[in-house]
Amino acid sequence: MKLNGIAVSRETEQRLNIFAELFYKWAKAINLVAPSTKGDLWSRHFADSAQIYQLNPEPCQWLDLGSGGGFPGVITAILLAETGSGWVDLVESNHKKASFLRTVLSETGARGSVHTVRIEDAPAVISKEINAISARALAELPLLLDYCSPWMLNKPGVTAYLHKGRDYQTEVLKANRSWTFDLLKHASHVEEDSVVLQISDLKRAS
């Protein structure tokens, strides 16, 4: 099968199916995504998340902030399982959602682990070197860069991949008041007018 154009093995397809089954089971009790989008799990949430991996398919150390229902962090962890290397540290402060994420990672054999801490407290827990950061539907860009800064500040080799909607340009202007960074914009293949912002070389604005 293909996931947003990525050819995946039968084993990965099985992992994705397990994720989907667990998602629908747990979504009956906890709010994992907006209720109006539950029916679009594969075409929207899975495919949208896969875009992140497509932009950086090398096995590396990922940090996924505000992992929620597992997007994009769990999808990345599942795709990394096919390579047999790389890892995703998922940060989710909600205990019920964190339990869901741990269950999915365990039952799929995905390459990731869950940290049930607030994002502001995560740097004390995740001190290893991070290569890439992801976040989806979490916060406006200025706050997102605050969250990312402990792992990115003055580290030009670390890149953030951040899903953003149609107002992303306004968010970029706001962020430029406090930060300087290199920016690449990738048009979403899934949601019209949405983008993935690829940000690197993060520094505080002088």
Protein backbone atom coordinates (compact mmCIF):
# COMPACT_ATOMS: atom_id res chain seq x y z
CA MET A 1 0.00 0.00 0.00
CA LYS A 2 0.93 3.67 -0.20
CA LEU A 3 0.51 6.27 2.53
CA ASN A 4 0.43 9.73 0.96
CA GLY A 5 2.67 8.42 -1.79
CA ILE A 6 5.01 6.47 0.50
CA ALA A 7 5.20 2.80 -0.44
CA VAL A 8 5.07 0.81 2.79
CA SER A 9 5.57 -2.86 3.54
CA ARG A 10 2.87 -5.31 4.58
CA GLU A 11 4.25 -5.14 8.14
CA THR A 12 3.87 -1.36 8.21
CA GLU A 13 0.36 -1.62 6.80
CA GLN A 14 -0.47 -4.03 9.63
CA ARG A 15 0.94 -1.58 12.18
CA LEU A 16 -1.17 1.22 10.72
CA ASN A 17 -4.28 -0.97 10.86
CA ILE A 18 -3.59 -1.74 14.53
CA PHE A 19 -3.20 2.00 15.20
CA ALA A 20 -6.52 2.68 13.46
CA GLU A 21 -8.34 -0.02 15.44
CA LEU A 22 -6.98 1.28 18.74
CA PHE A 23 -7.76 4.85 17.74
CA TYR A 24 -11.45 4.13 17.13
CA LYS A 25 -11.67 2.07 20.33
CA TRP A 26 -10.12 4.75 22.55
CA ALA A 27 -11.82 7.66 20.75
CA LYS A 28 -15.13 6.46 22.18
CA ALA A 29 -13.91 7.45 25.64
CA ILE A 30 -11.41 10.29 25.12
CA ASN A 31 -11.16 13.14 22.64
CA LEU A 32 -8.22 12.27 20.39
CA VAL A 33 -9.09 14.54 17.43
CA ALA A 34 -11.87 16.96 16.52
CA PRO A 35 -15.07 14.84 16.36
CA SER A 36 -15.85 16.12 12.86
CA THR A 37 -12.61 14.59 11.52
CA LYS A 38 -12.81 11.09 13.05
CA GLY A 39 -14.13 9.66 9.79
CA ASP A 40 -11.12 11.04 7.90
CA LEU A 41 -8.53 9.09 9.88
CA TRP A 42 -6.60 7.67 6.91
CA SER A 43 -7.15 10.37 4.32
CA ARG A 44 -6.55 13.26 6.71
CA HIS A 45 -4.71 12.40 9.92
CA PHE A 46 -2.55 9.50 8.72
CA ALA A 47 -1.70 11.08 5.36
CA ASP A 48 -1.13 14.54 6.86
CA SER A 49 1.23 13.08 9.45
CA ALA A 50 3.14 11.09 6.84
CA GLN A 51 4.13 14.36 5.14
CA ILE A 52 6.50 15.03 8.03
CA TYR A 53 8.36 11.77 7.51
CA GLN A 54 8.51 12.42 3.77
CA LEU A 55 10.38 15.66 4.42
CA ASN A 56 12.98 13.91 6.58
CA PRO A 57 12.99 10.14 5.89
CA GLU A 58 16.42 9.54 7.40
CA PRO A 59 16.43 7.51 10.65
CA CYS A 60 17.10 10.06 13.38
CA GLN A 61 16.09 11.22 16.85
CA TRP A 62 12.68 12.88 16.71
CA LEU A 63 10.86 14.91 19.34
CA ASP A 64 7.07 15.20 18.94
CA LEU A 65 5.48 17.93 21.08
CA GLY A 66 1.87 17.76 22.21
CA SER A 67 1.40 14.34 20.66
CA GLY A 68 -2.33 14.09 21.47
CA GLY A 69 -3.90 11.39 19.31
CA GLY A 70 -0.53 10.38 17.88
CA PHE A 71 -0.23 12.77 14.96
CA PRO A 72 2.35 13.01 13.58
CA GLY A 73 4.54 11.32 16.23
CA VAL A 74 3.10 7.80 16.15
CA ILE A 75 3.00 7.75 12.33
CA THR A 76 6.69 8.73 12.29
CA ALA A 77 7.47 6.02 14.86
CA ILE A 78 5.62 3.41 12.79
CA LEU A 79 7.44 4.41 9.61
CA LEU A 80 10.77 4.30 11.46
CA ALA A 81 9.99 0.72 12.49
CA GLU A 82 10.36 -0.23 8.85
CA THR A 83 13.93 1.14 8.85
CA GLY A 84 14.86 -0.51 12.16
CA SER A 85 16.52 2.65 13.48
CA GLY A 86 15.69 6.15 14.68
CA TRP A 87 13.38 7.02 17.57
CA VAL A 88 10.54 9.38 18.50
CA ASP A 89 10.16 10.89 21.97
CA LEU A 90 6.50 11.86 22.30
CA VAL A 91 5.53 14.51 24.85
CA GLU A 92 1.93 14.48 26.08
CA SER A 93 0.85 15.83 29.47
CA ASN A 94 -2.67 14.37 29.41
CA HIS A 95 -2.47 11.03 31.24
CA LYS A 96 -5.31 9.36 29.32
CA LYS A 97 -3.86 10.34 25.95
CA ALA A 98 -0.40 9.28 27.12
CA SER A 99 -1.81 5.86 28.04
CA PHE A 100 -3.35 5.60 24.59
CA LEU A 101 -0.04 6.49 22.95
CA ARG A 102 1.87 3.93 25.02
CA THR A 103 -0.65 1.27 24.09
CA VAL A 104 -0.32 2.03 20.37
CA LEU A 105 3.49 2.05 20.49
CA SER A 106 3.53 -1.23 22.39
CA GLU A 107 1.04 -3.07 20.19
CA THR A 108 2.50 -1.84 16.89
CA GLY A 109 6.17 -2.20 17.80
CA ALA A 110 6.72 1.40 16.68
CA ARG A 111 10.00 3.08 17.53
CA GLY A 112 9.00 5.58 20.20
CA SER A 113 8.41 6.31 23.87
CA VAL A 114 6.01 8.61 25.73
CA HIS A 115 6.84 11.25 28.33
CA THR A 116 3.87 12.34 30.43
CA VAL A 117 5.11 15.84 31.24
CA ARG A 118 4.24 19.39 30.35
CA ILE A 119 6.21 20.65 27.37
CA GLU A 120 7.84 23.31 29.55
CA ASP A 121 9.21 20.54 31.80
CA ALA A 122 10.30 18.23 28.98
CA PRO A 123 13.87 19.59 28.55
CA ALA A 124 14.76 18.26 32.03
CA VAL A 125 13.51 14.81 31.01
CA ILE A 126 14.70 14.66 27.39
CA SER A 127 18.31 15.79 27.49
CA LYS A 128 19.68 13.66 24.65
CA GLU A 129 20.57 15.12 21.29
CA ILE A 130 17.53 15.71 19.08
CA ASN A 131 17.73 15.96 15.29
CA ALA A 132 14.15 16.87 14.35
CA ILE A 133 11.04 18.23 16.07
CA SER A 134 7.41 17.90 15.01
CA ALA A 135 4.14 19.41 16.23
CA ARG A 136 0.62 19.49 14.82
CA ALA A 137 -2.34 21.61 15.93
CA LEU A 138 -0.53 22.66 19.09
CA ALA A 139 0.03 26.44 19.35
CA GLU A 140 0.81 29.61 17.41
CA LEU A 141 4.31 29.76 15.94
CA PRO A 142 5.84 32.20 18.49
CA LEU A 143 4.90 29.89 21.36
CA LEU A 144 5.89 26.80 19.38
CA LEU A 145 9.38 28.21 18.91
CA ASP A 146 9.57 28.91 22.64
CA TYR A 147 8.73 25.24 23.19
CA CYS A 148 11.31 24.10 20.61
CA SER A 149 14.09 26.46 21.70
CA PRO A 150 15.73 24.27 24.39
CA TRP A 151 16.62 21.73 21.70
CA MET A 152 17.09 24.14 18.77
CA LEU A 153 18.61 27.39 20.01
CA ASN A 154 21.98 27.97 18.36
CA LYS A 155 21.92 24.42 17.00
CA PRO A 156 21.71 24.86 13.20
CA GLY A 157 21.58 21.10 12.62
CA VAL A 158 18.21 20.69 14.38
CA THR A 159 15.11 21.17 12.22
CA ALA A 160 11.46 21.64 13.22
CA TYR A 161 8.59 20.49 10.99
CA LEU A 162 5.41 22.28 12.03
CA HIS A 163 1.94 21.86 10.52
CA LYS A 164 0.20 25.20 10.01
CA GLY A 165 -3.08 26.41 8.53
CA ARG A 166 -3.91 29.24 6.17
CA ASP A 167 -2.90 31.99 8.65
CA TYR A 168 0.68 30.79 8.83
CA GLN A 169 2.08 33.99 7.30
CA THR A 170 0.68 36.07 10.15
CA GLU A 171 2.22 33.65 12.64
CA VAL A 172 5.61 33.87 10.92
CA LEU A 173 5.55 37.68 11.17
CA LYS A 174 4.73 37.48 14.87
CA ALA A 175 7.52 34.96 15.43
CA ASN A 176 10.04 37.22 13.67
CA ARG A 177 9.66 39.76 16.48
CA SER A 178 11.43 37.38 18.86
CA TRP A 179 13.26 34.91 16.64
CA THR A 180 15.37 34.63 13.52
CA PHE A 181 15.41 31.36 11.59
CA ASP A 182 15.74 29.75 8.19
CA LEU A 183 12.34 28.88 6.74
CA LEU A 184 11.10 26.57 4.01
CA LYS A 185 7.37 26.31 3.28
CA HIS A 186 5.96 23.04 1.98
CA ALA A 187 2.41 23.08 0.63
CA SER A 188 0.23 20.42 2.22
CA HIS A 189 -0.74 17.50 0.00
CA VAL A 190 -3.75 16.88 2.21
CA GLU A 191 -5.34 20.14 3.35
CA GLU A 192 -5.83 23.07 0.99
CA ASP A 193 -4.11 26.31 2.09
CA SER A 194 -2.18 24.45 4.81
CA VAL A 195 1.59 24.09 4.95
CA VAL A 196 4.40 22.40 6.79
CA LEU A 197 6.92 24.98 7.98
CA GLN A 198 10.47 23.66 7.99
CA ILE A 199 12.47 25.77 10.44
CA SER A 200 16.17 25.59 11.27
CA ASP A 201 19.03 27.74 12.60
CA LEU A 202 16.84 29.19 15.35
CA LYS A 203 18.28 32.24 17.17
CA ARG A 204 16.87 34.97 19.36
CA ALA A 205 16.28 38.23 17.52
CA SER A 206 18.67 40.96 18.58
